Amino acid sequence: MIIYKVDIFKELKSHGFNQTRLQRENLLSKQTMTNIKAGKSISLETLNRICVMCRMQPGDIIEVVPTDEEKVKYF
């Protein structure tokens, strides 16, 4: 399971990327923004784009927490 460690939109906004600009300049699709708000997963391409815009590393933005099912299967 992926957990967002930061408020992605707050971080983007602090770097000059408000939601209007993200949509107008087609930086993030409306569906991607909906997925982020819902805590759903995003593609690696999207994660890379967010990292570049926010000048962060993936580990600054997301945390991987294994579910009980994943622990049984992979540990």
Protein backbone atom coordinates (compact mmCIF):
# COMPACT_ATOMS: atom_id res chain seq x y z
CA MET A 1 0.00 0.00 0.00
CA ILE A 2 1.28 3.47 -0.87
CA ILE A 3 0.84 6.30 1.62
CA TYR A 4 1.44 9.92 0.72
CA LYS A 5 3.78 11.43 3.31
CA VAL A 6 3.05 15.03 2.30
CA ASP A 7 0.11 17.00 1.00
CA ILE A 8 1.10 16.90 -2.67
CA PHE A 9 -1.09 19.84 -3.65
CA LYS A 10 0.30 21.96 -0.81
CA GLU A 11 3.85 21.16 -1.93
CA LEU A 12 3.01 21.89 -5.57
CA LYS A 13 1.35 25.18 -4.60
CA SER A 14 4.41 26.24 -2.61
CA HIS A 15 6.39 25.87 -5.85
CA GLY A 16 3.92 27.92 -7.91
CA PHE A 17 1.75 25.08 -9.23
CA ASN A 18 -1.84 25.65 -8.11
CA GLN A 19 -4.61 23.35 -9.35
CA THR A 20 -5.72 25.82 -12.01
CA ARG A 21 -2.22 25.98 -13.47
CA LEU A 22 -1.83 22.19 -13.30
CA GLN A 23 -4.98 21.76 -15.39
CA ARG A 24 -4.49 24.73 -17.73
CA GLU A 25 -0.92 23.71 -18.63
CA ASN A 26 -1.87 20.01 -18.68
CA LEU A 27 0.80 19.19 -16.09
CA LEU A 28 -1.44 16.71 -14.26
CA SER A 29 -4.65 15.29 -15.65
CA LYS A 30 -7.93 15.77 -13.84
CA GLN A 31 -8.08 12.01 -13.19
CA THR A 32 -4.58 12.03 -11.71
CA MET A 33 -5.52 14.89 -9.38
CA THR A 34 -8.66 12.97 -8.36
CA ASN A 35 -6.56 9.86 -7.65
CA ILE A 36 -4.13 11.83 -5.51
CA LYS A 37 -6.97 13.41 -3.52
CA ALA A 38 -8.48 9.94 -2.97
CA GLY A 39 -5.14 8.50 -1.87
CA LYS A 40 -5.01 6.16 -4.85
CA SER A 41 -1.86 5.16 -6.65
CA ILE A 42 -0.23 7.20 -9.39
CA SER A 43 2.10 6.18 -12.19
CA LEU A 44 5.87 6.41 -11.88
CA GLU A 45 5.80 9.02 -14.65
CA THR A 46 3.44 11.16 -12.57
CA LEU A 47 5.53 10.66 -9.44
CA ASN A 48 8.61 11.73 -11.40
CA ARG A 49 6.82 14.84 -12.68
CA ILE A 50 5.72 15.78 -9.14
CA CYS A 51 9.26 15.20 -7.82
CA VAL A 52 10.73 17.49 -10.47
CA MET A 53 8.14 20.23 -9.92
CA CYS A 54 8.57 20.10 -6.12
CA ARG A 55 12.33 19.47 -6.21
CA MET A 56 11.87 16.38 -4.02
CA GLN A 57 12.75 12.70 -4.12
CA PRO A 58 10.13 9.90 -4.28
CA GLY A 59 10.85 8.92 -0.67
CA ASP A 60 9.96 12.45 0.41
CA ILE A 61 6.50 12.05 -1.12
CA ILE A 62 5.45 8.43 -0.68
CA GLU A 63 5.94 5.60 1.76
CA VAL A 64 5.39 1.94 0.97
CA VAL A 65 3.66 0.11 3.82
CA PRO A 66 3.07 -3.59 3.24
CA THR A 67 -0.42 -4.90 3.94
CA ASP A 68 -0.86 -8.03 6.04
CA GLU A 69 -1.53 -9.99 2.85
CA GLU A 70 1.69 -8.68 1.26
CA LYS A 71 3.64 -9.55 4.41
CA VAL A 72 2.43 -13.15 4.26
CA LYS A 73 3.10 -13.45 0.55
CA TYR A 74 6.47 -11.70 0.28
CA PHE A 75 8.15 -11.89 3.68
